[in-house]
Amino acid sequence: MKKRIAIITGASGGLGKEFVALMTNEKVDEIWCVARNIKKLNMIREEYGDIIIPLSFDLSEQESITGIRKILEKEQPVIAYLINNAGIGENLSPYKELSLEKVNSIIQVNCNAVASLCTICIPYMQEESRILNISSQSSFQPVPYLNLYAATKVFVLNLTRALNLELKELGISVTAVCPGWIDTEMLPKTQNGKKIKYPGLISPKRVAVEALSDAKKKKDMSVCTLYVKYMHLLTKIFPQKKIMKAWVKNISKLV
């Protein structure tokens, strides 16, 4: 009998680690935790035991996708969950300050890796298998000074919702998780010596719990908290240009 697994990228901390904790209560034999930092991955294994399979891969490199594919070909598991959580953000700053290397890394991890992992994992899925792709509230409209990150999350959102419809006949659900600001180490607390206040800041645990619940309901989007739902509604009611201008005005002292 084939083993059932969950694959979680960006599993070494923050939201990814919360998903790891949730997966330990699911009907899976192994949790493949993908991240660059093998030390942190081994600490997760020490915490949860042999169910954790640490896989040290850098998803900004296409060779890592090939490496994961080779392991899948060898192990031939049933993938119960694929959680594409790994992502690269950008600080609030003008686009001209982004290096070419950073631009390529953001697109590779946030877009290419997500699409590639879906491609190599779907053949190992069965009815009731689930994919959760981490998008963002920033996918609802263009976001100046976070424009590349936001644009990649639009890609994730649209890819996910389309896949959910395509794979429905196979019983596979695909959910785009669209949180607002998440209180993790990845989120900078200051910018240019000034403290940043994040509206609607939420814990990663709450995002993970609601996302998993929505995935089990086969929703194509998981929008956590009334604040984010309100912001989602605003983008449907008001012209995006006005929303962008209001955003730029609010952050003008930070960039």
C-alpha atoms as a PDB file:
ATOM      1  CA  MET A   1       0.000   0.000   0.000  1.00  0.00           C
ATOM      2  CA  LYS A   2       1.385   3.374  -0.991  1.00  0.00           C
ATOM      3  CA  LYS A   3       2.225   5.838   1.742  1.00  0.00           C
ATOM      4  CA  ARG A   4       0.257   9.075   2.012  1.00  0.00           C
ATOM      5  CA  ILE A   5       2.307  12.223   2.322  1.00  0.00           C
ATOM      6  CA  ALA A   6       2.012  15.966   2.704  1.00  0.00           C
ATOM      7  CA  ILE A   7       4.517  18.276   1.047  1.00  0.00           C
ATOM      8  CA  ILE A   8       5.042  21.701   2.609  1.00  0.00           C
ATOM      9  CA  THR A   9       7.437  24.264   1.171  1.00  0.00           C
ATOM     10  CA  GLY A  10       8.828  27.065   3.288  1.00  0.00           C
ATOM     11  CA  ALA A  11       8.288  24.691   6.205  1.00  0.00           C
ATOM     12  CA  SER A  12      11.082  25.865   8.492  1.00  0.00           C
ATOM     13  CA  GLY A  13       9.204  28.714  10.180  1.00  0.00           C
ATOM     14  CA  GLY A  14       6.250  31.085  10.287  1.00  0.00           C
ATOM     15  CA  LEU A  15       3.156  30.002   8.386  1.00  0.00           C
ATOM     16  CA  GLY A  16       4.870  26.911   7.002  1.00  0.00           C
ATOM     17  CA  LYS A  17       5.661  25.585  10.442  1.00  0.00           C
ATOM     18  CA  GLU A  18       2.039  26.081  11.493  1.00  0.00           C
ATOM     19  CA  PHE A  19       0.966  23.953   8.541  1.00  0.00           C
ATOM     20  CA  VAL A  20       3.436  21.285   9.655  1.00  0.00           C
ATOM     21  CA  ALA A  21       1.778  21.194  13.079  1.00  0.00           C
ATOM     22  CA  LEU A  22      -1.664  20.843  11.482  1.00  0.00           C
ATOM     23  CA  MET A  23      -0.513  18.057   9.168  1.00  0.00           C
ATOM     24  CA  THR A  24       0.579  15.938  12.143  1.00  0.00           C
ATOM     25  CA  ASN A  25      -3.135  15.551  12.907  1.00  0.00           C
ATOM     26  CA  GLU A  26      -4.048  14.545   9.352  1.00  0.00           C
ATOM     27  CA  LYS A  27      -4.080  11.030   7.886  1.00  0.00           C
ATOM     28  CA  VAL A  28      -0.593  11.118   6.406  1.00  0.00           C
ATOM     29  CA  ASP A  29       2.363   8.793   6.894  1.00  0.00           C
ATOM     30  CA  GLU A  30       5.039  11.395   6.192  1.00  0.00           C
ATOM     31  CA  ILE A  31       5.344  15.162   6.029  1.00  0.00           C
ATOM     32  CA  TRP A  32       7.967  16.245   3.528  1.00  0.00           C
ATOM     33  CA  CYS A  33       9.249  19.579   4.806  1.00  0.00           C
ATOM     34  CA  VAL A  34      11.008  21.626   2.134  1.00  0.00           C
ATOM     35  CA  ALA A  35      13.211  24.610   2.992  1.00  0.00           C
ATOM     36  CA  ARG A  36      16.778  25.813   2.580  1.00  0.00           C
ATOM     37  CA  ASN A  37      17.793  25.687   6.237  1.00  0.00           C
ATOM     38  CA  ILE A  38      18.491  22.042   7.087  1.00  0.00           C
ATOM     39  CA  LYS A  39      19.249  22.918  10.700  1.00  0.00           C
ATOM     40  CA  LYS A  40      15.755  24.310  11.219  1.00  0.00           C
ATOM     41  CA  LEU A  41      14.226  21.357   9.386  1.00  0.00           C
ATOM     42  CA  ASN A  42      16.059  18.936  11.666  1.00  0.00           C
ATOM     43  CA  MET A  43      14.723  20.840  14.680  1.00  0.00           C
ATOM     44  CA  ILE A  44      11.197  20.297  13.362  1.00  0.00           C
ATOM     45  CA  ARG A  45      11.960  16.582  13.034  1.00  0.00           C
ATOM     46  CA  GLU A  46      13.164  16.529  16.633  1.00  0.00           C
ATOM     47  CA  GLU A  47       9.925  18.189  17.707  1.00  0.00           C
ATOM     48  CA  TYR A  48       7.485  15.978  15.784  1.00  0.00           C
ATOM     49  CA  GLY A  49       9.428  12.773  15.203  1.00  0.00           C
ATOM     50  CA  ASP A  50      10.020  10.443  12.277  1.00  0.00           C
ATOM     51  CA  ILE A  51       6.879  11.585  10.458  1.00  0.00           C
ATOM     52  CA  ILE A  52       8.936  14.592   9.352  1.00  0.00           C
ATOM     53  CA  ILE A  53      11.126  14.114   6.264  1.00  0.00           C
ATOM     54  CA  PRO A  54      13.492  17.110   5.939  1.00  0.00           C
ATOM     55  CA  LEU A  55      14.274  18.083   2.338  1.00  0.00           C
ATOM     56  CA  SER A  56      16.821  20.860   1.968  1.00  0.00           C
ATOM     57  CA  PHE A  57      16.115  22.567  -1.356  1.00  0.00           C
ATOM     58  CA  ASP A  58      16.412  26.154  -2.542  1.00  0.00           C
ATOM     59  CA  LEU A  59      13.340  26.793  -4.681  1.00  0.00           C
ATOM     60  CA  SER A  60      14.968  29.820  -6.285  1.00  0.00           C
ATOM     61  CA  GLU A  61      16.968  27.245  -8.255  1.00  0.00           C
ATOM     62  CA  GLN A  62      15.153  25.209 -10.893  1.00  0.00           C
ATOM     63  CA  GLU A  63      17.378  22.223 -10.076  1.00  0.00           C
ATOM     64  CA  SER A  64      15.530  21.894  -6.773  1.00  0.00           C
ATOM     65  CA  ILE A  65      12.291  21.114  -8.595  1.00  0.00           C
ATOM     66  CA  THR A  66      14.134  18.385 -10.492  1.00  0.00           C
ATOM     67  CA  GLY A  67      15.451  17.042  -7.197  1.00  0.00           C
ATOM     68  CA  ILE A  68      11.973  16.814  -5.676  1.00  0.00           C
ATOM     69  CA  ARG A  69      10.626  15.187  -8.839  1.00  0.00           C
ATOM     70  CA  LYS A  70      13.316  12.480  -8.669  1.00  0.00           C
ATOM     71  CA  ILE A  71      12.401  11.678  -5.063  1.00  0.00           C
ATOM     72  CA  LEU A  72       8.728  11.398  -6.031  1.00  0.00           C
ATOM     73  CA  GLU A  73       9.608   9.063  -8.908  1.00  0.00           C
ATOM     74  CA  LYS A  74      11.575   6.882  -6.528  1.00  0.00           C
ATOM     75  CA  GLU A  75       9.076   6.831  -3.641  1.00  0.00           C
ATOM     76  CA  GLN A  76       5.828   6.757  -5.681  1.00  0.00           C
ATOM     77  CA  PRO A  77       3.666   8.108  -2.824  1.00  0.00           C
ATOM     78  CA  VAL A  78       0.091   9.332  -2.739  1.00  0.00           C
ATOM     79  CA  ILE A  79       0.195  13.086  -2.176  1.00  0.00           C
ATOM     80  CA  ALA A  80      -2.650  13.999   0.151  1.00  0.00           C
ATOM     81  CA  TYR A  81      -1.548  17.621   0.539  1.00  0.00           C
ATOM     82  CA  LEU A  82       0.696  19.974  -1.387  1.00  0.00           C
ATOM     83  CA  ILE A  83       1.118  23.260   0.449  1.00  0.00           C
ATOM     84  CA  ASN A  84       3.038  25.789  -1.647  1.00  0.00           C
ATOM     85  CA  ASN A  85       3.982  28.161   1.145  1.00  0.00           C
ATOM     86  CA  ALA A  86       7.528  29.190   0.181  1.00  0.00           C
ATOM     87  CA  GLY A  87       7.733  32.772  -0.988  1.00  0.00           C
ATOM     88  CA  ILE A  88      10.016  35.774  -1.234  1.00  0.00           C
ATOM     89  CA  GLY A  89       8.776  39.207  -0.256  1.00  0.00           C
ATOM     90  CA  GLU A  90      10.134  42.658  -0.903  1.00  0.00           C
ATOM     91  CA  ASN A  91      10.523  45.615   1.405  1.00  0.00           C
ATOM     92  CA  LEU A  92       8.425  48.720   0.889  1.00  0.00           C
ATOM     93  CA  SER A  93      10.635  50.454  -1.672  1.00  0.00           C
ATOM     94  CA  PRO A  94      10.672  51.859  -5.205  1.00  0.00           C
ATOM     95  CA  TYR A  95      10.913  49.237  -7.925  1.00  0.00           C
ATOM     96  CA  LYS A  96      14.144  50.804  -9.209  1.00  0.00           C
ATOM     97  CA  GLU A  97      15.883  49.641  -6.035  1.00  0.00           C
ATOM     98  CA  LEU A  98      15.268  45.961  -6.809  1.00  0.00           C
ATOM     99  CA  SER A  99      18.279  44.159  -8.206  1.00  0.00           C
ATOM    100  CA  LEU A 100      17.930  41.904 -11.232  1.00  0.00           C
ATOM    101  CA  GLU A 101      18.886  38.967  -9.012  1.00  0.00           C
ATOM    102  CA  LYS A 102      16.119  39.775  -6.535  1.00  0.00           C
ATOM    103  CA  VAL A 103      13.574  40.196  -9.341  1.00  0.00           C
ATOM    104  CA  ASN A 104      14.438  36.795 -10.780  1.00  0.00           C
ATOM    105  CA  SER A 105      14.409  35.111  -7.352  1.00  0.00           C
ATOM    106  CA  ILE A 106      10.961  36.515  -6.472  1.00  0.00           C
ATOM    107  CA  ILE A 107       9.470  35.331  -9.756  1.00  0.00           C
ATOM    108  CA  GLN A 108      11.168  31.924  -9.551  1.00  0.00           C
ATOM    109  CA  VAL A 109      10.003  31.134  -6.015  1.00  0.00           C
ATOM    110  CA  ASN A 110       6.608  32.838  -6.021  1.00  0.00           C
ATOM    111  CA  CYS A 111       5.516  31.787  -9.517  1.00  0.00           C
ATOM    112  CA  ASN A 112       7.694  29.189 -11.226  1.00  0.00           C
ATOM    113  CA  ALA A 113       8.149  26.979  -8.177  1.00  0.00           C
ATOM    114  CA  VAL A 114       4.427  27.000  -7.385  1.00  0.00           C
ATOM    115  CA  ALA A 115       3.424  26.077 -10.935  1.00  0.00           C
ATOM    116  CA  SER A 116       6.216  23.508 -11.271  1.00  0.00           C
ATOM    117  CA  LEU A 117       5.384  21.766  -8.004  1.00  0.00           C
ATOM    118  CA  CYS A 118       1.727  21.557  -8.974  1.00  0.00           C
ATOM    119  CA  THR A 119       2.798  20.009 -12.278  1.00  0.00           C
ATOM    120  CA  ILE A 120       5.018  17.320 -10.776  1.00  0.00           C
ATOM    121  CA  CYS A 121       2.712  16.550  -7.824  1.00  0.00           C
ATOM    122  CA  ILE A 122      -0.743  16.293  -9.437  1.00  0.00           C
ATOM    123  CA  PRO A 123       0.024  12.896 -11.061  1.00  0.00           C
ATOM    124  CA  TYR A 124       0.536  11.495  -7.545  1.00  0.00           C
ATOM    125  CA  MET A 125      -2.786  12.796  -6.236  1.00  0.00           C
ATOM    126  CA  GLN A 126      -6.099  11.008  -5.785  1.00  0.00           C
ATOM    127  CA  GLU A 127      -9.658  11.978  -4.954  1.00  0.00           C
ATOM    128  CA  GLU A 128      -9.742  14.196  -1.838  1.00  0.00           C
ATOM    129  CA  SER A 129      -6.126  15.288  -2.336  1.00  0.00           C
ATOM    130  CA  ARG A 130      -5.676  19.008  -1.731  1.00  0.00           C
ATOM    131  CA  ILE A 131      -3.392  21.772  -2.931  1.00  0.00           C
ATOM    132  CA  LEU A 132      -3.038  24.994  -0.946  1.00  0.00           C
ATOM    133  CA  ASN A 133      -1.183  27.805  -2.700  1.00  0.00           C
ATOM    134  CA  ILE A 134      -0.305  30.812  -0.567  1.00  0.00           C
ATOM    135  CA  SER A 135      -1.351  33.986  -2.326  1.00  0.00           C
ATOM    136  CA  SER A 136      -2.037  37.269  -0.525  1.00  0.00           C
ATOM    137  CA  GLN A 137      -4.431  40.127   0.074  1.00  0.00           C
ATOM    138  CA  SER A 138      -2.078  42.031  -2.237  1.00  0.00           C
ATOM    139  CA  SER A 139      -3.399  39.942  -5.142  1.00  0.00           C
ATOM    140  CA  PHE A 140      -6.682  41.864  -5.032  1.00  0.00           C
ATOM    141  CA  GLN A 141      -5.258  44.988  -6.692  1.00  0.00           C
ATOM    142  CA  PRO A 142      -1.936  46.520  -7.855  1.00  0.00           C
ATOM    143  CA  VAL A 143       0.259  47.576  -4.924  1.00  0.00           C
ATOM    144  CA  PRO A 144       2.852  50.295  -5.602  1.00  0.00           C
ATOM    145  CA  TYR A 145       6.149  49.812  -3.745  1.00  0.00           C
ATOM    146  CA  LEU A 146       5.289  46.135  -3.352  1.00  0.00           C
ATOM    147  CA  ASN A 147       4.422  45.791  -7.003  1.00  0.00           C
ATOM    148  CA  LEU A 148       6.437  42.722  -8.019  1.00  0.00           C
ATOM    149  CA  TYR A 149       5.451  40.705  -4.950  1.00  0.00           C
ATOM    150  CA  ALA A 150       1.794  41.639  -5.438  1.00  0.00           C
ATOM    151  CA  ALA A 151       1.974  40.770  -9.133  1.00  0.00           C
ATOM    152  CA  THR A 152       3.334  37.300  -8.365  1.00  0.00           C
ATOM    153  CA  LYS A 153       0.471  36.711  -5.961  1.00  0.00           C
ATOM    154  CA  VAL A 154      -2.026  37.602  -8.718  1.00  0.00           C
ATOM    155  CA  PHE A 155      -0.410  34.811 -10.743  1.00  0.00           C
ATOM    156  CA  VAL A 156      -0.837  32.395  -7.835  1.00  0.00           C
ATOM    157  CA  LEU A 157      -4.463  33.400  -7.291  1.00  0.00           C
ATOM    158  CA  ASN A 158      -5.497  33.030 -10.917  1.00  0.00           C
ATOM    159  CA  LEU A 159      -3.561  29.797 -11.445  1.00  0.00           C
ATOM    160  CA  THR A 160      -5.119  28.308  -8.328  1.00  0.00           C
ATOM    161  CA  ARG A 161      -8.723  29.201  -9.060  1.00  0.00           C
ATOM    162  CA  ALA A 162      -8.457  27.894 -12.617  1.00  0.00           C
ATOM    163  CA  LEU A 163      -6.821  24.657 -11.444  1.00  0.00           C
ATOM    164  CA  ASN A 164      -9.537  24.147  -8.863  1.00  0.00           C
ATOM    165  CA  LEU A 165     -12.156  24.108 -11.598  1.00  0.00           C
ATOM    166  CA  GLU A 166     -10.084  21.931 -13.937  1.00  0.00           C
ATOM    167  CA  LEU A 167      -9.308  19.311 -11.293  1.00  0.00           C
ATOM    168  CA  LYS A 168     -12.804  19.196  -9.819  1.00  0.00           C
ATOM    169  CA  GLU A 169     -13.732  16.133 -11.868  1.00  0.00           C
ATOM    170  CA  LEU A 170     -10.775  14.289 -10.310  1.00  0.00           C
ATOM    171  CA  GLY A 171     -11.880  15.209  -6.798  1.00  0.00           C
ATOM    172  CA  ILE A 172      -8.743  17.297  -6.218  1.00  0.00           C
ATOM    173  CA  SER A 173      -9.288  20.722  -4.637  1.00  0.00           C
ATOM    174  CA  VAL A 174      -6.980  23.717  -5.072  1.00  0.00           C
ATOM    175  CA  THR A 175      -7.261  26.663  -2.684  1.00  0.00           C
ATOM    176  CA  ALA A 176      -5.625  30.088  -2.899  1.00  0.00           C
ATOM    177  CA  VAL A 177      -4.867  31.333   0.612  1.00  0.00           C
ATOM    178  CA  CYS A 178      -5.135  35.136   0.671  1.00  0.00           C
ATOM    179  CA  PRO A 179      -4.110  36.506   4.077  1.00  0.00           C
ATOM    180  CA  GLY A 180      -3.284  40.066   4.974  1.00  0.00           C
ATOM    181  CA  TRP A 181      -0.249  40.945   7.065  1.00  0.00           C
ATOM    182  CA  ILE A 182       0.995  37.893   8.979  1.00  0.00           C
ATOM    183  CA  ASP A 183       3.008  38.346  12.162  1.00  0.00           C
ATOM    184  CA  THR A 184       6.158  36.394  11.282  1.00  0.00           C
ATOM    185  CA  GLU A 185       9.912  37.010  11.326  1.00  0.00           C
ATOM    186  CA  MET A 186       9.717  37.686   7.586  1.00  0.00           C
ATOM    187  CA  LEU A 187       7.749  40.891   8.210  1.00  0.00           C
ATOM    188  CA  PRO A 188      10.029  43.901   8.866  1.00  0.00           C
ATOM    189  CA  LYS A 189       9.074  45.855  11.969  1.00  0.00           C
ATOM    190  CA  THR A 190      10.820  49.106  10.961  1.00  0.00           C
ATOM    191  CA  GLN A 191      11.588  50.939   7.716  1.00  0.00           C
ATOM    192  CA  ASN A 192      14.125  53.778   7.474  1.00  0.00           C
ATOM    193  CA  GLY A 193      14.208  53.921  11.269  1.00  0.00           C
ATOM    194  CA  LYS A 194      10.430  54.265  11.545  1.00  0.00           C
ATOM    195  CA  LYS A 195       8.118  51.707  13.136  1.00  0.00           C
ATOM    196  CA  ILE A 196       5.692  50.112  10.724  1.00  0.00           C
ATOM    197  CA  LYS A 197       2.085  49.623  11.765  1.00  0.00           C
ATOM    198  CA  TYR A 198       0.354  46.798   9.931  1.00  0.00           C
ATOM    199  CA  PRO A 199      -3.445  47.007   9.801  1.00  0.00           C
ATOM    200  CA  GLY A 200      -5.204  43.728  10.451  1.00  0.00           C
ATOM    201  CA  LEU A 201      -2.031  41.934  11.604  1.00  0.00           C
ATOM    202  CA  ILE A 202      -2.811  38.266  12.252  1.00  0.00           C
ATOM    203  CA  SER A 203      -1.057  35.219  13.673  1.00  0.00           C
ATOM    204  CA  PRO A 204       0.205  32.542  11.261  1.00  0.00           C
ATOM    205  CA  LYS A 205      -1.628  29.859  13.240  1.00  0.00           C
ATOM    206  CA  ARG A 206      -5.016  31.454  12.593  1.00  0.00           C
ATOM    207  CA  VAL A 207      -4.271  31.729   8.878  1.00  0.00           C
ATOM    208  CA  ALA A 208      -3.203  28.082   8.667  1.00  0.00           C
ATOM    209  CA  VAL A 209      -6.218  26.772  10.597  1.00  0.00           C
ATOM    210  CA  GLU A 210      -8.724  28.675   8.480  1.00  0.00           C
ATOM    211  CA  ALA A 211      -6.916  27.826   5.244  1.00  0.00           C
ATOM    212  CA  LEU A 212      -7.017  24.102   5.990  1.00  0.00           C
ATOM    213  CA  SER A 213     -10.699  24.337   6.916  1.00  0.00           C
ATOM    214  CA  ASP A 214     -11.495  26.139   3.650  1.00  0.00           C
ATOM    215  CA  ALA A 215      -9.466  23.619   1.650  1.00  0.00           C
ATOM    216  CA  LYS A 216     -11.507  20.771   3.130  1.00  0.00           C
ATOM    217  CA  LYS A 217     -14.617  22.633   1.988  1.00  0.00           C
ATOM    218  CA  LYS A 218     -13.049  22.717  -1.499  1.00  0.00           C
ATOM    219  CA  LYS A 219     -13.136  26.506  -1.668  1.00  0.00           C
ATOM    220  CA  ASP A 220     -10.995  28.066  -4.369  1.00  0.00           C
ATOM    221  CA  MET A 221     -10.125  30.994  -2.067  1.00  0.00           C
ATOM    222  CA  SER A 222      -9.472  31.304   1.645  1.00  0.00           C
ATOM    223  CA  VAL A 223      -9.860  34.873   2.852  1.00  0.00           C
ATOM    224  CA  CYS A 224      -9.094  35.107   6.552  1.00  0.00           C
ATOM    225  CA  THR A 225     -10.483  37.789   8.919  1.00  0.00           C
ATOM    226  CA  LEU A 226     -13.212  40.369   8.442  1.00  0.00           C
ATOM    227  CA  TYR A 227     -10.573  43.013   7.728  1.00  0.00           C
ATOM    228  CA  VAL A 228      -9.234  41.203   4.652  1.00  0.00           C
ATOM    229  CA  LYS A 229     -12.760  40.356   3.493  1.00  0.00           C
ATOM    230  CA  TYR A 230     -13.605  44.047   3.804  1.00  0.00           C
ATOM    231  CA  MET A 231     -10.537  45.010   1.756  1.00  0.00           C
ATOM    232  CA  HIS A 232     -11.498  42.417  -0.842  1.00  0.00           C
ATOM    233  CA  LEU A 233     -14.946  43.989  -1.092  1.00  0.00           C
ATOM    234  CA  LEU A 234     -13.456  47.482  -1.469  1.00  0.00           C
ATOM    235  CA  THR A 235     -11.451  46.390  -4.493  1.00  0.00           C
ATOM    236  CA  LYS A 236     -14.684  45.312  -6.140  1.00  0.00           C
ATOM    237  CA  ILE A 237     -16.551  48.528  -5.337  1.00  0.00           C
ATOM    238  CA  PHE A 238     -13.977  51.298  -5.769  1.00  0.00           C
ATOM    239  CA  PRO A 239     -11.730  52.030  -8.770  1.00  0.00           C
ATOM    240  CA  GLN A 240      -8.302  50.473  -8.263  1.00  0.00           C
ATOM    241  CA  LYS A 241      -6.591  53.779  -9.043  1.00  0.00           C
ATOM    242  CA  LYS A 242      -8.224  55.353  -5.984  1.00  0.00           C
ATOM    243  CA  ILE A 243      -7.208  52.434  -3.789  1.00  0.00           C
ATOM    244  CA  MET A 244      -3.633  52.664  -5.046  1.00  0.00           C
ATOM    245  CA  LYS A 245      -3.499  56.415  -4.369  1.00  0.00           C
ATOM    246  CA  ALA A 246      -4.806  55.898  -0.832  1.00  0.00           C
ATOM    247  CA  TRP A 247      -2.196  53.177  -0.258  1.00  0.00           C
ATOM    248  CA  VAL A 248       0.647  55.375  -1.536  1.00  0.00           C
ATOM    249  CA  LYS A 249      -0.500  58.236   0.690  1.00  0.00           C
ATOM    250  CA  ASN A 250      -0.499  55.971   3.747  1.00  0.00           C
ATOM    251  CA  ILE A 251       3.023  54.673   3.168  1.00  0.00           C
ATOM    252  CA  SER A 252       4.591  57.851   1.769  1.00  0.00           C
ATOM    253  CA  LYS A 253       6.548  58.431   4.983  1.00  0.00           C
ATOM    254  CA  LEU A 254       8.147  55.002   4.809  1.00  0.00           C
ATOM    255  CA  VAL A 255       9.489  54.902   1.243  1.00  0.00           C
END
